[in-house]
């Protein structure tokens, strides 16, 4: 029940033989997080505040954030071969500087929010099958800037819920699909 504060550095989850759980008090925050779990799962057992990046390394890393709120101040690097489970969750990008959201792995966001002053750029490596940013709930741009196109490596967006925009959005020729029920 203590407080963990990491202003710089990396916290790595590397155990490839057993699942792990991550829980932090409301006042705690991480710098950067690397998830390299093999076939095992890292499960968020509480809401989390990550001031830096989250990097899913190319080793079948899986992060289960179901029913949690995850605040990310930096990039979300969902690489090929990695995944996350986001049922009932909200991922909030609240960083003040520019960052990248890689969409090469698999996973569907429940809700996603862009709140920081920085620019969020979608990134999909064109050397693998094209993947999209898939949101089963709501997508909210609240004061940030979402750019679907990152120099030729962007991603389409699928939203099943509502789209709220009080910030800025640039599609740059890519497509937003509203695929929810009528």
Protein backbone atom coordinates (compact mmCIF):
# COMPACT_ATOMS: atom_id res chain seq x y z
CA UNK A 1 0.00 0.00 0.00
CA UNK A 2 3.00 2.27 -0.41
CA UNK A 3 3.63 4.83 -3.11
CA UNK A 4 5.90 4.09 -6.07
CA UNK A 5 7.17 7.06 -8.10
CA UNK A 6 9.50 6.65 -11.05
CA UNK A 7 10.33 9.86 -12.88
CA UNK A 8 12.96 8.30 -15.15
CA UNK A 9 14.03 4.80 -16.03
CA UNK A 10 12.27 1.63 -17.12
CA UNK A 11 10.23 -1.00 -15.31
CA UNK A 12 10.43 -4.28 -17.25
CA UNK A 13 8.18 -7.33 -17.02
CA UNK A 14 10.27 -10.16 -18.46
CA UNK A 15 9.02 -13.37 -16.83
CA UNK A 16 8.25 -15.78 -19.67
CA UNK A 17 7.27 -18.76 -17.49
CA UNK A 18 4.50 -17.29 -15.34
CA UNK A 19 1.84 -14.60 -15.46
CA UNK A 20 2.34 -11.46 -13.41
CA UNK A 21 0.02 -8.89 -11.84
CA UNK A 22 0.67 -5.16 -11.60
CA UNK A 23 -1.05 -3.07 -8.94
CA UNK A 24 -0.26 0.45 -7.77
CA UNK A 25 -1.78 2.93 -5.34
CA UNK A 26 -3.58 5.99 -6.71
CA UNK A 27 -0.57 8.25 -6.01
CA UNK A 28 1.93 5.94 -7.73
CA UNK A 29 3.27 6.32 -11.25
CA UNK A 30 5.76 4.63 -13.53
CA UNK A 31 8.32 6.13 -15.91
CA UNK A 32 8.52 3.72 -18.86
CA UNK A 33 7.20 0.15 -18.98
CA UNK A 34 8.45 -2.74 -21.13
CA UNK A 35 6.31 -5.87 -21.45
CA UNK A 36 8.22 -8.91 -22.74
CA UNK A 37 6.25 -11.87 -21.45
CA UNK A 38 6.47 -14.64 -24.05
CA UNK A 39 3.20 -16.57 -23.92
CA UNK A 40 2.41 -15.28 -20.42
CA UNK A 41 0.16 -12.35 -19.45
CA UNK A 42 0.77 -9.20 -17.43
CA UNK A 43 -2.52 -8.24 -15.74
CA UNK A 44 -3.33 -4.75 -14.46
CA UNK A 45 -4.85 -5.33 -11.02
CA UNK A 46 -5.51 -1.59 -10.51
CA UNK A 47 -5.70 1.60 -12.53
CA UNK A 48 -2.21 2.68 -13.61
CA UNK A 49 -0.39 5.91 -14.38
CA UNK A 50 2.55 5.53 -16.77
CA UNK A 51 4.23 8.88 -17.43
CA UNK A 52 6.46 7.52 -20.19
CA UNK A 53 5.97 4.88 -22.85
CA UNK A 54 4.54 1.35 -22.83
CA UNK A 55 6.56 -0.96 -25.11
CA UNK A 56 5.20 -4.39 -26.04
CA UNK A 57 8.35 -6.09 -27.32
CA UNK A 58 8.25 -8.60 -30.15
CA UNK A 59 7.93 -11.68 -27.96
CA UNK A 60 4.17 -12.36 -27.85
CA UNK A 61 3.77 -9.93 -24.95
CA UNK A 62 0.19 -9.65 -23.65
CA UNK A 63 -1.13 -6.95 -21.30
CA UNK A 64 -4.61 -7.45 -19.81
CA UNK A 65 -6.04 -4.05 -18.84
CA UNK A 66 -9.66 -5.20 -18.59
CA UNK A 67 -11.90 -2.92 -16.50
CA UNK A 68 -9.01 -0.54 -15.71
CA UNK A 69 -8.05 3.03 -16.57
CA UNK A 70 -4.50 3.31 -17.89
CA UNK A 71 -2.96 6.78 -18.19
CA UNK A 72 -0.08 6.96 -20.67
CA UNK A 73 2.08 10.06 -20.99
CA UNK A 74 4.25 8.73 -23.82
CA UNK A 75 4.03 6.27 -26.67
CA UNK A 76 2.01 3.02 -26.82
CA UNK A 77 4.16 0.64 -28.86
CA UNK A 78 1.98 -2.38 -29.68
CA UNK A 79 4.39 -4.25 -31.93
CA UNK A 80 3.80 -7.15 -34.30
CA UNK A 81 3.16 -10.40 -32.42
CA UNK A 82 2.03 -8.65 -29.24
CA UNK A 83 -1.45 -7.99 -27.86
CA UNK A 84 -3.55 -6.45 -25.15
CA UNK A 85 -6.98 -7.18 -23.72
CA UNK A 86 -9.02 -4.04 -23.16
CA UNK A 87 -12.54 -5.20 -22.27
CA UNK A 88 -14.24 -2.50 -20.17
CA UNK A 89 -11.07 -0.39 -20.02
CA UNK A 90 -10.10 3.17 -20.89
CA UNK A 91 -6.67 4.16 -22.18
CA UNK A 92 -5.98 7.87 -21.67
CA UNK A 93 -3.11 9.53 -23.53
CA UNK A 94 -2.39 12.55 -21.33
CA UNK A 95 1.15 13.47 -22.34
CA UNK A 96 2.34 16.99 -23.02
CA UNK A 97 4.75 16.02 -25.82
CA UNK A 98 4.31 14.22 -29.15
CA UNK A 99 4.07 10.44 -29.06
CA UNK A 100 3.35 7.43 -31.26
CA UNK A 101 0.61 4.82 -31.04
CA UNK A 102 1.71 1.69 -32.89
CA UNK A 103 -1.12 -0.53 -34.12
CA UNK A 104 0.85 -3.53 -35.40
CA UNK A 105 -0.16 -5.95 -32.64
CA UNK A 106 -3.66 -7.17 -31.82
CA UNK A 107 -6.07 -5.68 -29.36
CA UNK A 108 -9.25 -3.68 -29.23
CA UNK A 109 -9.60 -0.61 -27.09
CA UNK A 110 -12.82 -0.23 -25.14
CA UNK A 111 -12.55 3.56 -24.72
CA UNK A 112 -9.65 5.73 -25.74
CA UNK A 113 -9.05 9.38 -24.80
CA UNK A 114 -6.51 11.92 -26.03
CA UNK A 115 -6.21 14.62 -23.36
CA UNK A 116 -2.69 15.97 -23.44
CA UNK A 117 -1.37 18.91 -25.39
CA UNK A 118 0.93 16.68 -27.45
CA UNK A 119 0.29 15.18 -30.86
CA UNK A 120 -0.70 11.50 -30.97
CA UNK A 121 0.41 9.84 -34.22
CA UNK A 122 -0.88 6.48 -35.37
CA UNK A 123 1.79 4.21 -36.79
CA UNK A 124 1.38 0.95 -38.70
CA UNK A 125 4.40 -0.69 -40.32
CA UNK A 126 3.51 -1.16 -44.01
CA UNK A 127 5.69 -4.29 -44.23
CA UNK A 128 3.09 -6.35 -42.35
CA UNK A 129 -0.67 -6.70 -42.96
CA UNK A 130 -2.33 -3.32 -42.39
CA UNK A 131 -3.92 -2.98 -38.97
CA UNK A 132 -6.17 -0.29 -37.62
CA UNK A 133 -6.94 1.46 -34.36
CA UNK A 134 -10.04 -0.46 -33.23
CA UNK A 135 -12.24 1.09 -30.52
CA UNK A 136 -15.30 -0.83 -29.29
CA UNK A 137 -16.47 2.08 -27.13
CA UNK A 138 -15.88 5.82 -27.40
CA UNK A 139 -13.01 7.77 -28.91
CA UNK A 140 -12.51 11.19 -27.30
CA UNK A 141 -10.12 13.95 -28.39
CA UNK A 142 -10.15 16.49 -25.56
CA UNK A 143 -7.51 19.14 -26.08
CA UNK A 144 -5.02 16.96 -27.93
CA UNK A 145 -4.20 16.39 -31.58
CA UNK A 146 -4.75 12.97 -33.18
CA UNK A 147 -2.97 12.36 -36.48
CA UNK A 148 -3.99 9.15 -38.28
CA UNK A 149 -1.20 9.56 -40.79
CA UNK A 150 2.44 9.43 -39.78
CA UNK A 151 4.50 10.01 -42.91
CA UNK A 152 2.98 7.17 -44.92
CA UNK A 153 2.69 4.74 -42.02
CA UNK A 154 -0.73 5.66 -40.61
CA UNK A 155 -3.75 3.59 -39.66
CA UNK A 156 -7.49 3.61 -40.29
CA UNK A 157 -9.75 3.99 -37.24
CA UNK A 158 -12.80 1.88 -36.35
CA UNK A 159 -15.15 3.25 -33.67
CA UNK A 160 -18.19 1.30 -32.43
CA UNK A 161 -19.26 3.93 -29.90
CA UNK A 162 -19.27 7.72 -30.02
CA UNK A 163 -16.70 10.15 -31.39
CA UNK A 164 -16.13 13.26 -29.26
CA UNK A 165 -13.76 15.91 -30.55
CA UNK A 166 -12.98 19.16 -28.78
CA UNK A 167 -9.34 19.03 -29.93
CA UNK A 168 -7.89 18.44 -33.40
CA UNK A 169 -8.02 15.46 -35.77
CA UNK A 170 -6.16 14.95 -39.04
CA UNK A 171 -7.15 11.96 -41.19
CA UNK A 172 -4.72 12.68 -44.05
CA UNK A 173 -6.53 10.42 -46.51
CA UNK A 174 -7.06 7.50 -44.15
CA UNK A 175 -10.55 6.38 -43.16
CA UNK A 176 -12.63 6.50 -39.99
CA UNK A 177 -15.27 3.75 -39.87
CA UNK A 178 -18.21 3.85 -37.47
CA UNK A 179 -18.97 0.16 -37.08
CA UNK A 180 -21.28 0.07 -34.04
CA UNK A 181 -24.89 -1.04 -33.96
CA UNK A 182 -27.54 1.44 -35.11
